[in-house]
């Protein structure tokens, strides 16, 4: 399915285990891996949510819990975000990186995507002004 991304998560973990520095390097446009991943995952979420809405509309069924079918997508988004944020730790310089599109600090991406308290705490230690 559109958000059947368990393979993506496995590949992401393999990449970060072998090359953890990938998560901590800025590209030529000023983005961390976290910025690229966040934009792609949010695109995927929008597409998947739209598909779920279309399927529910076609079936003429009113779900007991609207969007309950999107839960696997949100869990994958959270796990992928954790994977790229964890290596940042509390490195102040990295925690201040806004990215090249709008302003998306690592702390904001973590909060928006429901990452663990430990990661949020670490990002806050790195750049408490982001709160």
Protein backbone atom coordinates (compact mmCIF):
# COMPACT_ATOMS: atom_id res chain seq x y z
CA UNK A 1 0.00 0.00 0.00
CA UNK A 2 0.90 3.65 -0.19
CA UNK A 3 2.09 3.80 3.39
CA UNK A 4 3.41 0.25 3.66
CA UNK A 5 6.83 1.60 4.49
CA UNK A 6 8.38 -1.06 6.69
CA UNK A 7 11.04 -1.56 3.99
CA UNK A 8 11.83 2.16 4.03
CA UNK A 9 12.33 2.04 7.79
CA UNK A 10 14.64 -0.99 7.52
CA UNK A 11 16.71 0.70 4.80
CA UNK A 12 16.87 3.92 6.82
CA UNK A 13 18.13 2.04 9.88
CA UNK A 14 20.71 0.13 7.82
CA UNK A 15 21.97 3.37 6.28
CA UNK A 16 22.19 5.19 9.62
CA UNK A 17 23.86 2.25 11.36
CA UNK A 18 26.55 2.13 8.68
CA UNK A 19 26.85 5.89 8.11
CA UNK A 20 25.49 7.78 11.16
CA UNK A 21 27.16 10.96 9.97
CA UNK A 22 24.58 11.17 7.16
CA UNK A 23 22.03 12.44 9.69
CA UNK A 24 24.42 15.12 10.92
CA UNK A 25 25.59 16.71 7.67
CA UNK A 26 24.10 19.67 5.87
CA UNK A 27 23.67 19.41 2.13
CA UNK A 28 24.45 22.23 -0.32
CA UNK A 29 21.03 23.85 0.28
CA UNK A 30 21.29 23.86 4.08
CA UNK A 31 19.14 20.81 4.79
CA UNK A 32 19.80 17.96 7.16
CA UNK A 33 18.56 14.47 6.26
CA UNK A 34 15.74 15.24 8.70
CA UNK A 35 14.48 18.09 6.50
CA UNK A 36 14.38 15.95 3.36
CA UNK A 37 12.74 13.07 5.18
CA UNK A 38 10.12 15.31 6.83
CA UNK A 39 9.06 16.80 3.49
CA UNK A 40 8.78 13.38 1.85
CA UNK A 41 6.92 11.80 4.77
CA UNK A 42 4.43 14.68 4.94
CA UNK A 43 3.79 14.30 1.21
CA UNK A 44 3.25 10.59 1.75
CA UNK A 45 0.89 11.28 4.66
CA UNK A 46 -1.21 13.69 2.57
CA UNK A 47 -1.46 11.16 -0.27
CA UNK A 48 -2.33 8.31 2.06
CA UNK A 49 -4.93 10.32 3.97
CA UNK A 50 -6.55 11.40 0.69
CA UNK A 51 -6.67 7.78 -0.46
CA UNK A 52 -8.28 6.66 2.81
CA UNK A 53 -10.86 9.46 2.50
CA UNK A 54 -11.66 8.42 -1.08
CA UNK A 55 -12.08 4.78 -0.10
CA UNK A 56 -14.36 5.70 2.79
CA UNK A 57 -16.42 7.96 0.50
CA UNK A 58 -16.73 5.25 -2.17
CA UNK A 59 -17.86 2.67 0.35
CA UNK A 60 -20.55 4.98 1.79
CA UNK A 61 -19.49 3.78 5.21
CA UNK A 62 -19.06 6.15 8.08
CA UNK A 63 -16.12 4.85 10.09
CA UNK A 64 -16.45 4.74 13.84
CA UNK A 65 -13.09 6.46 14.10
CA UNK A 66 -12.34 8.58 11.06
CA UNK A 67 -8.76 8.20 9.85
CA UNK A 68 -8.15 5.14 12.05
CA UNK A 69 -6.77 3.51 8.90
CA UNK A 70 -3.98 6.08 8.80
CA UNK A 71 -2.44 4.93 12.10
CA UNK A 72 0.21 2.68 10.47
CA UNK A 73 1.35 5.65 8.38
CA UNK A 74 1.70 7.89 11.44
CA UNK A 75 3.65 5.21 13.31
CA UNK A 76 6.06 4.85 10.38
CA UNK A 77 6.48 8.62 10.17
CA UNK A 78 7.28 8.75 13.89
CA UNK A 79 9.83 5.92 13.69
CA UNK A 80 11.57 7.35 10.62
CA UNK A 81 11.74 10.79 12.23
CA UNK A 82 13.21 9.29 15.40
CA UNK A 83 15.83 7.49 13.33
CA UNK A 84 17.15 10.72 11.78
CA UNK A 85 16.79 12.90 14.90
CA UNK A 86 18.43 10.58 17.41
CA UNK A 87 21.96 11.00 15.97
CA UNK A 88 21.66 14.78 16.38
CA UNK A 89 21.62 14.35 20.14
CA UNK A 90 21.98 17.70 21.79
CA UNK A 91 24.44 19.17 19.29
CA UNK A 92 23.53 22.84 19.49
CA UNK A 93 24.61 23.74 15.95
CA UNK A 94 22.54 20.94 14.42
CA UNK A 95 19.52 21.58 16.64
CA UNK A 96 19.43 25.15 15.25
CA UNK A 97 19.25 24.13 11.59
CA UNK A 98 16.04 25.48 10.03
CA UNK A 99 16.32 23.88 6.60
CA UNK A 100 15.97 25.47 3.17
CA UNK A 101 12.17 25.48 2.92
CA UNK A 102 10.39 27.57 5.53
CA UNK A 103 11.55 27.01 9.09
CA UNK A 104 11.65 23.49 10.42
CA UNK A 105 13.87 23.01 13.44
CA UNK A 106 14.62 19.43 14.50
CA UNK A 107 12.61 19.95 17.70
CA UNK A 108 9.59 21.04 15.69
CA UNK A 109 9.81 18.03 13.39
CA UNK A 110 10.08 15.76 16.42
CA UNK A 111 7.05 17.29 18.12
CA UNK A 112 4.95 17.27 14.93
CA UNK A 113 5.76 13.62 14.31
CA UNK A 114 5.32 12.34 17.86
CA UNK A 115 8.86 11.18 18.62
CA UNK A 116 9.83 9.87 22.05
CA UNK A 117 10.25 12.08 25.09
CA UNK A 118 13.96 11.18 25.26
CA UNK A 119 14.59 12.57 21.78
CA UNK A 120 12.53 15.70 22.47
CA UNK A 121 14.44 16.21 25.71
CA UNK A 122 17.78 15.85 23.94
CA UNK A 123 16.79 18.34 21.23
CA UNK A 124 15.61 20.79 23.90
CA UNK A 125 18.95 20.49 25.67
CA UNK A 126 20.64 21.29 22.37
CA UNK A 127 18.51 24.33 21.58
CA UNK A 128 16.02 25.29 24.26
CA UNK A 129 15.18 28.49 22.40
CA UNK A 130 13.26 26.35 19.88
CA UNK A 131 10.55 25.67 22.45
